[in-house]
């Protein structure tokens, strides 16, 4: 009986020590962290500015390498640095959306890296592209059919 109690207490101390070490463990390898997962353009005019940015940080303890950044279609073009991101440093991925197309924006960009926490990360851009004609620039409301008109 004494052996059982002594063994139980010993195992309890061993497991407590193991779990305490894991909680305070320093991250091993490169780790990716982003400032946002989605960039919302809101409403953009046709042929307007379609540039967005995603800030990438290396929160690990080894250099982070972005091996590929690929968009879901040809209308979205990402640009990124091929240089390794040192621990504690940041870089920016620029994403250019071709705003010559009218309609909703909902595209994804896949980031492939050597990160130990998330080697493949997907971010999105969203919004809506409208024609210049669809913007009511006049402060005066246009009369509709059947509305009273002043003489």
C-alpha atoms as a PDB file:
ATOM      1  CA  UNK A   1       0.000   0.000   0.000  1.00  0.00           C
ATOM      2  CA  UNK A   2       2.862   2.355   0.853  1.00  0.00           C
ATOM      3  CA  UNK A   3       4.487   1.581  -2.533  1.00  0.00           C
ATOM      4  CA  UNK A   4       1.266   2.471  -4.357  1.00  0.00           C
ATOM      5  CA  UNK A   5       0.928   5.801  -2.571  1.00  0.00           C
ATOM      6  CA  UNK A   6       4.614   6.613  -3.035  1.00  0.00           C
ATOM      7  CA  UNK A   7       4.429   5.705  -6.757  1.00  0.00           C
ATOM      8  CA  UNK A   8       1.297   7.850  -7.239  1.00  0.00           C
ATOM      9  CA  UNK A   9       2.918  10.859  -5.549  1.00  0.00           C
ATOM     10  CA  UNK A  10       6.097  10.429  -7.618  1.00  0.00           C
ATOM     11  CA  UNK A  11       4.109  10.245 -10.875  1.00  0.00           C
ATOM     12  CA  UNK A  12       2.118  13.313  -9.856  1.00  0.00           C
ATOM     13  CA  UNK A  13       5.332  15.330  -9.402  1.00  0.00           C
ATOM     14  CA  UNK A  14       6.778  14.070 -12.698  1.00  0.00           C
ATOM     15  CA  UNK A  15       3.645  14.951 -14.725  1.00  0.00           C
ATOM     16  CA  UNK A  16       3.380  18.348 -13.025  1.00  0.00           C
ATOM     17  CA  UNK A  17       6.984  19.117 -13.994  1.00  0.00           C
ATOM     18  CA  UNK A  18       6.466  17.979 -17.592  1.00  0.00           C
ATOM     19  CA  UNK A  19       3.332  20.085 -18.099  1.00  0.00           C
ATOM     20  CA  UNK A  20       4.891  23.142 -16.458  1.00  0.00           C
ATOM     21  CA  UNK A  21       7.807  22.981 -18.898  1.00  0.00           C
ATOM     22  CA  UNK A  22       5.495  22.791 -21.947  1.00  0.00           C
ATOM     23  CA  UNK A  23       3.550  25.898 -20.899  1.00  0.00           C
ATOM     24  CA  UNK A  24       6.721  27.993 -20.712  1.00  0.00           C
ATOM     25  CA  UNK A  25       8.374  26.464 -23.766  1.00  0.00           C
ATOM     26  CA  UNK A  26      10.051  28.793 -26.224  1.00  0.00           C
ATOM     27  CA  UNK A  27       8.686  28.379 -29.770  1.00  0.00           C
ATOM     28  CA  UNK A  28      10.959  26.249 -31.909  1.00  0.00           C
ATOM     29  CA  UNK A  29      11.481  27.263 -35.513  1.00  0.00           C
ATOM     30  CA  UNK A  30       9.914  30.079 -37.523  1.00  0.00           C
ATOM     31  CA  UNK A  31       6.337  31.122 -36.765  1.00  0.00           C
ATOM     32  CA  UNK A  32       4.094  33.231 -38.984  1.00  0.00           C
ATOM     33  CA  UNK A  33       1.780  35.925 -37.662  1.00  0.00           C
ATOM     34  CA  UNK A  34      -0.415  38.250 -39.769  1.00  0.00           C
ATOM     35  CA  UNK A  35      -1.911  41.644 -38.987  1.00  0.00           C
ATOM     36  CA  UNK A  36      -5.237  40.540 -40.559  1.00  0.00           C
ATOM     37  CA  UNK A  37      -6.818  37.582 -42.322  1.00  0.00           C
ATOM     38  CA  UNK A  38      -9.230  39.628 -44.486  1.00  0.00           C
ATOM     39  CA  UNK A  39      -8.789  42.947 -46.294  1.00  0.00           C
ATOM     40  CA  UNK A  40     -12.130  44.622 -46.961  1.00  0.00           C
ATOM     41  CA  UNK A  41     -11.977  47.174 -49.783  1.00  0.00           C
ATOM     42  CA  UNK A  42     -15.567  48.209 -49.147  1.00  0.00           C
ATOM     43  CA  UNK A  43     -16.910  49.875 -52.292  1.00  0.00           C
ATOM     44  CA  UNK A  44     -14.316  50.723 -54.950  1.00  0.00           C
ATOM     45  CA  UNK A  45     -14.889  52.636 -58.183  1.00  0.00           C
ATOM     46  CA  UNK A  46     -14.171  50.869 -61.449  1.00  0.00           C
ATOM     47  CA  UNK A  47     -10.465  51.290 -62.348  1.00  0.00           C
ATOM     48  CA  UNK A  48      -9.869  52.615 -58.814  1.00  0.00           C
ATOM     49  CA  UNK A  49      -7.097  51.719 -56.370  1.00  0.00           C
ATOM     50  CA  UNK A  50      -7.055  47.957 -55.875  1.00  0.00           C
ATOM     51  CA  UNK A  51      -3.918  47.776 -53.729  1.00  0.00           C
ATOM     52  CA  UNK A  52      -3.964  46.123 -50.302  1.00  0.00           C
ATOM     53  CA  UNK A  53      -1.281  45.021 -47.843  1.00  0.00           C
ATOM     54  CA  UNK A  54      -0.849  42.129 -45.439  1.00  0.00           C
ATOM     55  CA  UNK A  55       1.869  42.502 -42.793  1.00  0.00           C
ATOM     56  CA  UNK A  56       3.706  39.254 -41.993  1.00  0.00           C
ATOM     57  CA  UNK A  57       5.730  38.866 -38.767  1.00  0.00           C
ATOM     58  CA  UNK A  58       8.096  36.129 -37.693  1.00  0.00           C
ATOM     59  CA  UNK A  59       7.305  35.389 -34.034  1.00  0.00           C
ATOM     60  CA  UNK A  60       9.559  32.316 -33.944  1.00  0.00           C
ATOM     61  CA  UNK A  61      13.263  31.923 -33.280  1.00  0.00           C
ATOM     62  CA  UNK A  62      14.503  30.943 -36.770  1.00  0.00           C
ATOM     63  CA  UNK A  63      14.247  32.714 -40.166  1.00  0.00           C
ATOM     64  CA  UNK A  64      10.820  32.511 -41.841  1.00  0.00           C
ATOM     65  CA  UNK A  65      10.853  31.882 -45.601  1.00  0.00           C
ATOM     66  CA  UNK A  66       7.811  32.585 -47.773  1.00  0.00           C
ATOM     67  CA  UNK A  67       8.285  30.002 -50.517  1.00  0.00           C
ATOM     68  CA  UNK A  68       5.144  30.867 -52.479  1.00  0.00           C
ATOM     69  CA  UNK A  69       2.287  33.376 -52.415  1.00  0.00           C
ATOM     70  CA  UNK A  70      -0.455  32.519 -54.900  1.00  0.00           C
ATOM     71  CA  UNK A  71      -3.852  34.061 -55.646  1.00  0.00           C
ATOM     72  CA  UNK A  72      -7.047  32.258 -56.569  1.00  0.00           C
ATOM     73  CA  UNK A  73      -7.263  33.994 -59.961  1.00  0.00           C
ATOM     74  CA  UNK A  74      -5.298  36.108 -62.413  1.00  0.00           C
ATOM     75  CA  UNK A  75      -7.126  39.306 -61.461  1.00  0.00           C
ATOM     76  CA  UNK A  76      -5.325  39.299 -58.089  1.00  0.00           C
ATOM     77  CA  UNK A  77      -1.544  39.666 -58.142  1.00  0.00           C
ATOM     78  CA  UNK A  78       0.520  39.312 -54.941  1.00  0.00           C
ATOM     79  CA  UNK A  79       4.083  40.660 -54.571  1.00  0.00           C
ATOM     80  CA  UNK A  80       6.375  39.634 -51.717  1.00  0.00           C
ATOM     81  CA  UNK A  81      10.020  39.664 -50.721  1.00  0.00           C
ATOM     82  CA  UNK A  82      11.954  36.463 -51.322  1.00  0.00           C
ATOM     83  CA  UNK A  83      14.357  37.371 -48.494  1.00  0.00           C
ATOM     84  CA  UNK A  84      14.077  35.396 -45.227  1.00  0.00           C
ATOM     85  CA  UNK A  85      12.214  37.187 -42.434  1.00  0.00           C
ATOM     86  CA  UNK A  86      14.443  37.148 -39.358  1.00  0.00           C
ATOM     87  CA  UNK A  87      12.970  36.438 -35.896  1.00  0.00           C
ATOM     88  CA  UNK A  88      11.074  39.473 -34.607  1.00  0.00           C
ATOM     89  CA  UNK A  89      11.042  41.172 -38.024  1.00  0.00           C
ATOM     90  CA  UNK A  90       8.171  41.903 -40.429  1.00  0.00           C
ATOM     91  CA  UNK A  91       7.564  42.186 -44.148  1.00  0.00           C
ATOM     92  CA  UNK A  92       4.613  43.142 -46.328  1.00  0.00           C
ATOM     93  CA  UNK A  93       2.760  41.238 -49.014  1.00  0.00           C
ATOM     94  CA  UNK A  94       1.240  43.667 -51.529  1.00  0.00           C
ATOM     95  CA  UNK A  95      -1.896  42.435 -53.287  1.00  0.00           C
ATOM     96  CA  UNK A  96      -3.177  44.241 -56.395  1.00  0.00           C
ATOM     97  CA  UNK A  97      -6.746  43.537 -57.499  1.00  0.00           C
ATOM     98  CA  UNK A  98      -7.751  44.495 -61.064  1.00  0.00           C
ATOM     99  CA  UNK A  99     -10.665  46.850 -60.436  1.00  0.00           C
ATOM    100  CA  UNK A 100     -11.648  47.012 -64.102  1.00  0.00           C
ATOM    101  CA  UNK A 101     -14.261  44.299 -63.416  1.00  0.00           C
ATOM    102  CA  UNK A 102     -17.652  45.363 -62.024  1.00  0.00           C
ATOM    103  CA  UNK A 103     -19.128  43.307 -59.185  1.00  0.00           C
ATOM    104  CA  UNK A 104     -18.231  41.684 -55.882  1.00  0.00           C
ATOM    105  CA  UNK A 105     -14.647  40.931 -54.854  1.00  0.00           C
ATOM    106  CA  UNK A 106     -14.042  37.672 -52.990  1.00  0.00           C
ATOM    107  CA  UNK A 107     -10.578  36.259 -53.649  1.00  0.00           C
ATOM    108  CA  UNK A 108      -8.104  34.221 -51.624  1.00  0.00           C
ATOM    109  CA  UNK A 109      -4.329  34.391 -51.401  1.00  0.00           C
ATOM    110  CA  UNK A 110      -2.443  31.289 -50.226  1.00  0.00           C
ATOM    111  CA  UNK A 111       0.834  31.872 -48.365  1.00  0.00           C
ATOM    112  CA  UNK A 112       3.194  28.883 -48.226  1.00  0.00           C
ATOM    113  CA  UNK A 113       6.140  29.077 -45.822  1.00  0.00           C
ATOM    114  CA  UNK A 114       8.408  27.076 -43.556  1.00  0.00           C
ATOM    115  CA  UNK A 115       6.440  28.178 -40.455  1.00  0.00           C
ATOM    116  CA  UNK A 116       6.184  25.550 -37.752  1.00  0.00           C
ATOM    117  CA  UNK A 117       2.778  26.798 -36.546  1.00  0.00           C
ATOM    118  CA  UNK A 118       0.991  27.265 -39.929  1.00  0.00           C
ATOM    119  CA  UNK A 119       2.965  26.310 -43.051  1.00  0.00           C
ATOM    120  CA  UNK A 120       0.004  27.173 -45.324  1.00  0.00           C
ATOM    121  CA  UNK A 121      -2.039  30.274 -44.495  1.00  0.00           C
ATOM    122  CA  UNK A 122      -4.968  31.603 -46.543  1.00  0.00           C
ATOM    123  CA  UNK A 123      -5.954  35.281 -46.443  1.00  0.00           C
ATOM    124  CA  UNK A 124      -8.797  36.939 -48.355  1.00  0.00           C
ATOM    125  CA  UNK A 125      -9.731  40.186 -50.031  1.00  0.00           C
ATOM    126  CA  UNK A 126     -13.340  41.258 -50.366  1.00  0.00           C
ATOM    127  CA  UNK A 127     -15.409  44.220 -51.450  1.00  0.00           C
ATOM    128  CA  UNK A 128     -17.408  45.491 -54.401  1.00  0.00           C
ATOM    129  CA  UNK A 129     -16.442  47.318 -57.590  1.00  0.00           C
ATOM    130  CA  UNK A 130     -19.044  49.742 -58.972  1.00  0.00           C
ATOM    131  CA  UNK A 131     -19.249  51.973 -62.054  1.00  0.00           C
ATOM    132  CA  UNK A 132     -18.666  55.688 -61.674  1.00  0.00           C
ATOM    133  CA  UNK A 133     -22.209  56.203 -63.036  1.00  0.00           C
ATOM    134  CA  UNK A 134     -23.628  54.267 -60.064  1.00  0.00           C
ATOM    135  CA  UNK A 135     -22.338  56.893 -57.641  1.00  0.00           C
ATOM    136  CA  UNK A 136     -24.815  59.660 -56.956  1.00  0.00           C
ATOM    137  CA  UNK A 137     -22.558  62.718 -56.864  1.00  0.00           C
ATOM    138  CA  UNK A 138     -25.400  65.268 -56.869  1.00  0.00           C
ATOM    139  CA  UNK A 139     -26.671  66.500 -53.486  1.00  0.00           C
ATOM    140  CA  UNK A 140     -30.142  66.944 -55.049  1.00  0.00           C
ATOM    141  CA  UNK A 141     -32.311  63.860 -55.198  1.00  0.00           C
ATOM    142  CA  UNK A 142     -33.495  63.036 -58.722  1.00  0.00           C
ATOM    143  CA  UNK A 143     -37.297  62.998 -59.072  1.00  0.00           C
ATOM    144  CA  UNK A 144     -38.877  59.618 -59.693  1.00  0.00           C
ATOM    145  CA  UNK A 145     -41.862  58.954 -61.909  1.00  0.00           C
ATOM    146  CA  UNK A 146     -45.066  60.098 -60.222  1.00  0.00           C
ATOM    147  CA  UNK A 147     -43.368  62.406 -57.723  1.00  0.00           C
ATOM    148  CA  UNK A 148     -44.616  66.000 -57.446  1.00  0.00           C
ATOM    149  CA  UNK A 149     -42.632  68.604 -59.364  1.00  0.00           C
ATOM    150  CA  UNK A 150     -42.495  72.297 -58.444  1.00  0.00           C
ATOM    151  CA  UNK A 151     -43.637  74.715 -61.132  1.00  0.00           C
END
